[in-house]
Structures are given as C-alpha cells and as structure tokens.
C-alpha cells in the first residue's frame, strides 16, 4: 500500500485521509515500521513543498512566412520534451480575438515545469541549432514566459 505512495497525488490529501482504511496494528514492531514509513513520506512531502516552483507557459507570437520543413516541428517538440516542456501544439491552431488589437496569426504555447526550465531551453544549443530552419519559414513577433500564480 505505502510502496505505491505517490507524493504528487498525496500532497493534495489531508494527513487523516492518507491513512484512512488501514487496519489497526496491534504489534508494536509493526507500528514502528509504519511510523518510519509515514515519517519518510511526510519528509518527502515537506521537501517537495520547499522545492516547488510553479509551472510556466512560454508564448511565441509568430507569423508564418513560408512552409516549415516537415522535420522541424517533430525535432522542436522532441527538444522541448527533453528540456521538461510540453508543446501544446497551438502553432497551427486557430487564434480568435476577443478584445484589443488584432492577435498574431499564429501562437506557439509550451507548458514548462518552471520559468527556469523555459529560459534554459530558449538559451540552449538545441534551440539555437533549430534557428536556421525556423527562420526560413517564420518570423517571431515576440516570445515571453508567463509563470502561474503561487
């Protein structure tokens, strides 16, 4: 039961809910073992709370000026995944204006584990190596990163 402990799922659960459904333990040595396991689990949760950094989203407003090479998007998405990002596959999606000036024709949105991961990727060799192919077919209007509220 506790060996299947998932700290991400459990971090949203109250302590009294974590151990509901456990049978009462009458053997003292068994109680000690469960206490040690529970202590390790709570220590892990505490460490995760200290190390928590909110997700971030990079937004690239681009204008397609030609056709991207067929191998560009798969290569870019693979590089993004390797850097802890998840491409939301919006670059060829529909952009609809709600308020303000007209939006860009194309928007590339990527979810990141943190702002630091996003910044590291956009300064990386992998991203820079993709630049020649990208610049032949698109013009970047602007690119920025938005961090989720803490």
C-alpha atoms as a PDB file:
ATOM      1  CA  UNK A   1       0.000   0.000   0.000  1.00  0.00           C
ATOM      2  CA  UNK A   2       2.627   2.581   1.011  1.00  0.00           C
ATOM      3  CA  UNK A   3       5.127   1.277  -1.530  1.00  0.00           C
ATOM      4  CA  UNK A   4       2.717   2.615  -4.167  1.00  0.00           C
ATOM      5  CA  UNK A   5       2.955   6.035  -2.490  1.00  0.00           C
ATOM      6  CA  UNK A   6       2.659   8.870  -4.999  1.00  0.00           C
ATOM      7  CA  UNK A   7       3.767  12.164  -3.401  1.00  0.00           C
ATOM      8  CA  UNK A   8       2.173  14.272  -6.141  1.00  0.00           C
ATOM      9  CA  UNK A   9      -1.287  12.780  -5.634  1.00  0.00           C
ATOM     10  CA  UNK A  10      -0.857  12.579  -1.874  1.00  0.00           C
ATOM     11  CA  UNK A  11       0.268  16.197  -1.489  1.00  0.00           C
ATOM     12  CA  UNK A  12      -3.342  17.270  -2.111  1.00  0.00           C
ATOM     13  CA  UNK A  13      -4.706  14.891   0.544  1.00  0.00           C
ATOM     14  CA  UNK A  14      -5.103  15.719   4.209  1.00  0.00           C
ATOM     15  CA  UNK A  15      -2.975  13.583   6.610  1.00  0.00           C
ATOM     16  CA  UNK A  16      -6.010  11.910   8.159  1.00  0.00           C
ATOM     17  CA  UNK A  17      -7.141  10.871   4.655  1.00  0.00           C
ATOM     18  CA  UNK A  18      -3.733   9.422   3.771  1.00  0.00           C
ATOM     19  CA  UNK A  19      -4.031   6.600   6.257  1.00  0.00           C
ATOM     20  CA  UNK A  20      -7.778   6.013   6.305  1.00  0.00           C
ATOM     21  CA  UNK A  21      -8.673   2.425   5.627  1.00  0.00           C
ATOM     22  CA  UNK A  22      -5.575   0.998   7.343  1.00  0.00           C
ATOM     23  CA  UNK A  23      -6.302  -1.847   9.719  1.00  0.00           C
ATOM     24  CA  UNK A  24      -5.371  -1.225  13.361  1.00  0.00           C
ATOM     25  CA  UNK A  25      -1.919  -2.556  14.193  1.00  0.00           C
ATOM     26  CA  UNK A  26      -1.508  -4.480  17.427  1.00  0.00           C
ATOM     27  CA  UNK A  27       2.134  -5.499  17.084  1.00  0.00           C
ATOM     28  CA  UNK A  28       4.460  -2.735  18.397  1.00  0.00           C
ATOM     29  CA  UNK A  29       7.241  -3.550  15.915  1.00  0.00           C
ATOM     30  CA  UNK A  30       4.723  -3.258  13.090  1.00  0.00           C
ATOM     31  CA  UNK A  31       3.580   0.111  14.474  1.00  0.00           C
ATOM     32  CA  UNK A  32       7.202   1.324  14.467  1.00  0.00           C
ATOM     33  CA  UNK A  33       7.695   0.192  10.875  1.00  0.00           C
ATOM     34  CA  UNK A  34       4.554   2.030   9.745  1.00  0.00           C
ATOM     35  CA  UNK A  35       5.623   5.127  11.657  1.00  0.00           C
ATOM     36  CA  UNK A  36       9.037   5.092   9.913  1.00  0.00           C
ATOM     37  CA  UNK A  37       7.389   4.724   6.503  1.00  0.00           C
ATOM     38  CA  UNK A  38       4.888   7.505   7.272  1.00  0.00           C
ATOM     39  CA  UNK A  39       7.697   9.754   8.549  1.00  0.00           C
ATOM     40  CA  UNK A  40       9.681   9.228   5.354  1.00  0.00           C
ATOM     41  CA  UNK A  41       6.575  10.018   3.307  1.00  0.00           C
ATOM     42  CA  UNK A  42       5.875  13.240   5.214  1.00  0.00           C
ATOM     43  CA  UNK A  43       9.539  14.248   4.952  1.00  0.00           C
ATOM     44  CA  UNK A  44       9.343  13.729   1.216  1.00  0.00           C
ATOM     45  CA  UNK A  45       6.238  15.889   1.035  1.00  0.00           C
ATOM     46  CA  UNK A  46       7.938  18.599   3.069  1.00  0.00           C
ATOM     47  CA  UNK A  47      10.928  18.543   0.750  1.00  0.00           C
ATOM     48  CA  UNK A  48       8.638  18.770  -2.265  1.00  0.00           C
ATOM     49  CA  UNK A  49       6.903  21.812  -0.766  1.00  0.00           C
ATOM     50  CA  UNK A  50      10.268  23.533  -0.341  1.00  0.00           C
ATOM     51  CA  UNK A  51      11.349  22.651  -3.878  1.00  0.00           C
ATOM     52  CA  UNK A  52       8.044  23.598  -5.501  1.00  0.00           C
ATOM     53  CA  UNK A  53       8.204  26.011  -8.363  1.00  0.00           C
ATOM     54  CA  UNK A  54       5.061  26.932 -10.267  1.00  0.00           C
ATOM     55  CA  UNK A  55       4.502  25.908 -13.851  1.00  0.00           C
ATOM     56  CA  UNK A  56       5.167  28.382 -16.608  1.00  0.00           C
ATOM     57  CA  UNK A  57       3.984  28.866 -20.169  1.00  0.00           C
ATOM     58  CA  UNK A  58       6.044  30.300 -22.987  1.00  0.00           C
ATOM     59  CA  UNK A  59       4.086  32.143 -25.634  1.00  0.00           C
ATOM     60  CA  UNK A  60       5.590  32.735 -29.044  1.00  0.00           C
ATOM     61  CA  UNK A  61       3.695  35.074 -31.324  1.00  0.00           C
ATOM     62  CA  UNK A  62       4.809  34.185 -34.838  1.00  0.00           C
ATOM     63  CA  UNK A  63       3.953  34.882 -38.426  1.00  0.00           C
ATOM     64  CA  UNK A  64       4.453  32.042 -40.870  1.00  0.00           C
ATOM     65  CA  UNK A  65       6.223  33.388 -43.958  1.00  0.00           C
ATOM     66  CA  UNK A  66       6.646  30.067 -45.705  1.00  0.00           C
ATOM     67  CA  UNK A  67       6.291  26.367 -45.110  1.00  0.00           C
ATOM     68  CA  UNK A  68       8.163  24.900 -42.171  1.00  0.00           C
ATOM     69  CA  UNK A  69      10.341  21.926 -43.149  1.00  0.00           C
ATOM     70  CA  UNK A  70       8.448  18.688 -42.435  1.00  0.00           C
ATOM     71  CA  UNK A  71      11.064  17.576 -39.906  1.00  0.00           C
ATOM     72  CA  UNK A  72      11.142  20.893 -37.991  1.00  0.00           C
ATOM     73  CA  UNK A  73       8.098  20.554 -35.690  1.00  0.00           C
ATOM     74  CA  UNK A  74       8.891  16.945 -34.624  1.00  0.00           C
ATOM     75  CA  UNK A  75      12.506  17.961 -33.915  1.00  0.00           C
ATOM     76  CA  UNK A  76      11.440  21.074 -31.993  1.00  0.00           C
ATOM     77  CA  UNK A  77       8.876  19.139 -29.943  1.00  0.00           C
ATOM     78  CA  UNK A  78      11.445  16.447 -29.124  1.00  0.00           C
ATOM     79  CA  UNK A  79      13.917  19.117 -27.939  1.00  0.00           C
ATOM     80  CA  UNK A  80      11.177  20.781 -25.861  1.00  0.00           C
ATOM     81  CA  UNK A  81      10.277  17.469 -24.177  1.00  0.00           C
ATOM     82  CA  UNK A  82      13.938  16.791 -23.397  1.00  0.00           C
ATOM     83  CA  UNK A  83      14.037  20.176 -21.611  1.00  0.00           C
ATOM     84  CA  UNK A  84      10.969  19.436 -19.390  1.00  0.00           C
ATOM     85  CA  UNK A  85       8.461  21.171 -21.635  1.00  0.00           C
ATOM     86  CA  UNK A  86       5.230  20.093 -23.298  1.00  0.00           C
ATOM     87  CA  UNK A  87       4.343  21.652 -26.636  1.00  0.00           C
ATOM     88  CA  UNK A  88       0.613  22.330 -26.639  1.00  0.00           C
ATOM     89  CA  UNK A  89       0.526  22.083 -30.449  1.00  0.00           C
ATOM     90  CA  UNK A  90      -1.002  25.513 -30.996  1.00  0.00           C
ATOM     91  CA  UNK A  91       1.253  26.905 -33.745  1.00  0.00           C
ATOM     92  CA  UNK A  92      -1.165  25.855 -36.494  1.00  0.00           C
ATOM     93  CA  UNK A  93      -4.280  26.329 -34.354  1.00  0.00           C
ATOM     94  CA  UNK A  94      -6.943  28.986 -34.751  1.00  0.00           C
ATOM     95  CA  UNK A  95      -6.368  32.312 -32.967  1.00  0.00           C
ATOM     96  CA  UNK A  96      -9.534  34.316 -32.227  1.00  0.00           C
ATOM     97  CA  UNK A  97      -9.573  37.913 -30.991  1.00  0.00           C
ATOM     98  CA  UNK A  98     -11.734  38.807 -28.008  1.00  0.00           C
ATOM     99  CA  UNK A  99     -10.527  42.301 -27.050  1.00  0.00           C
ATOM    100  CA  UNK A 100      -7.817  44.716 -28.121  1.00  0.00           C
ATOM    101  CA  UNK A 101      -5.770  44.929 -31.295  1.00  0.00           C
ATOM    102  CA  UNK A 102      -5.723  42.027 -33.760  1.00  0.00           C
ATOM    103  CA  UNK A 103      -3.865  38.984 -32.418  1.00  0.00           C
ATOM    104  CA  UNK A 104      -0.957  37.381 -34.274  1.00  0.00           C
ATOM    105  CA  UNK A 105      -1.855  34.820 -36.917  1.00  0.00           C
ATOM    106  CA  UNK A 106      -0.009  32.001 -35.127  1.00  0.00           C
ATOM    107  CA  UNK A 107       0.806  31.384 -31.475  1.00  0.00           C
ATOM    108  CA  UNK A 108       3.118  28.685 -30.113  1.00  0.00           C
ATOM    109  CA  UNK A 109       2.406  27.833 -26.467  1.00  0.00           C
ATOM    110  CA  UNK A 110       4.596  25.489 -24.403  1.00  0.00           C
ATOM    111  CA  UNK A 111       3.972  24.350 -20.831  1.00  0.00           C
ATOM    112  CA  UNK A 112       7.112  24.175 -18.647  1.00  0.00           C
ATOM    113  CA  UNK A 113       7.807  22.795 -15.190  1.00  0.00           C
ATOM    114  CA  UNK A 114       9.245  26.209 -14.248  1.00  0.00           C
ATOM    115  CA  UNK A 115      10.307  29.573 -15.673  1.00  0.00           C
ATOM    116  CA  UNK A 116      13.926  28.469 -15.238  1.00  0.00           C
ATOM    117  CA  UNK A 117      13.348  25.431 -17.485  1.00  0.00           C
ATOM    118  CA  UNK A 118      11.824  27.653 -20.172  1.00  0.00           C
ATOM    119  CA  UNK A 119      14.638  30.206 -20.037  1.00  0.00           C
ATOM    120  CA  UNK A 120      17.291  27.495 -20.096  1.00  0.00           C
ATOM    121  CA  UNK A 121      15.698  25.935 -23.175  1.00  0.00           C
ATOM    122  CA  UNK A 122      15.490  29.170 -25.146  1.00  0.00           C
ATOM    123  CA  UNK A 123      19.180  29.796 -24.419  1.00  0.00           C
ATOM    124  CA  UNK A 124      20.167  26.192 -25.221  1.00  0.00           C
ATOM    125  CA  UNK A 125      22.180  24.777 -28.086  1.00  0.00           C
ATOM    126  CA  UNK A 126      19.199  22.607 -29.108  1.00  0.00           C
ATOM    127  CA  UNK A 127      17.003  25.685 -29.683  1.00  0.00           C
ATOM    128  CA  UNK A 128      19.764  27.625 -31.410  1.00  0.00           C
ATOM    129  CA  UNK A 129      20.512  24.676 -33.706  1.00  0.00           C
ATOM    130  CA  UNK A 130      16.882  24.767 -34.908  1.00  0.00           C
ATOM    131  CA  UNK A 131      17.047  28.510 -35.706  1.00  0.00           C
ATOM    132  CA  UNK A 132      18.165  28.308 -39.373  1.00  0.00           C
ATOM    133  CA  UNK A 133      15.245  26.047 -40.322  1.00  0.00           C
ATOM    134  CA  UNK A 134      12.781  28.060 -38.222  1.00  0.00           C
ATOM    135  CA  UNK A 135      13.851  31.452 -39.594  1.00  0.00           C
ATOM    136  CA  UNK A 136      13.315  30.347 -43.208  1.00  0.00           C
ATOM    137  CA  UNK A 137       9.592  29.889 -42.631  1.00  0.00           C
ATOM    138  CA  UNK A 138       8.522  32.075 -39.727  1.00  0.00           C
ATOM    139  CA  UNK A 139       9.080  35.490 -38.245  1.00  0.00           C
ATOM    140  CA  UNK A 140       8.914  35.744 -34.451  1.00  0.00           C
ATOM    141  CA  UNK A 141       6.981  38.842 -33.399  1.00  0.00           C
ATOM    142  CA  UNK A 142       7.716  38.270 -29.715  1.00  0.00           C
ATOM    143  CA  UNK A 143       8.217  35.438 -27.234  1.00  0.00           C
ATOM    144  CA  UNK A 144       7.694  35.566 -23.478  1.00  0.00           C
ATOM    145  CA  UNK A 145       7.178  33.304 -20.451  1.00  0.00           C
ATOM    146  CA  UNK A 146       4.271  33.548 -18.002  1.00  0.00           C
ATOM    147  CA  UNK A 147       4.546  31.958 -14.556  1.00  0.00           C
ATOM    148  CA  UNK A 148       1.451  30.546 -12.864  1.00  0.00           C
ATOM    149  CA  UNK A 149       0.492  32.319  -9.628  1.00  0.00           C
ATOM    150  CA  UNK A 150       1.837  30.748  -6.443  1.00  0.00           C
END
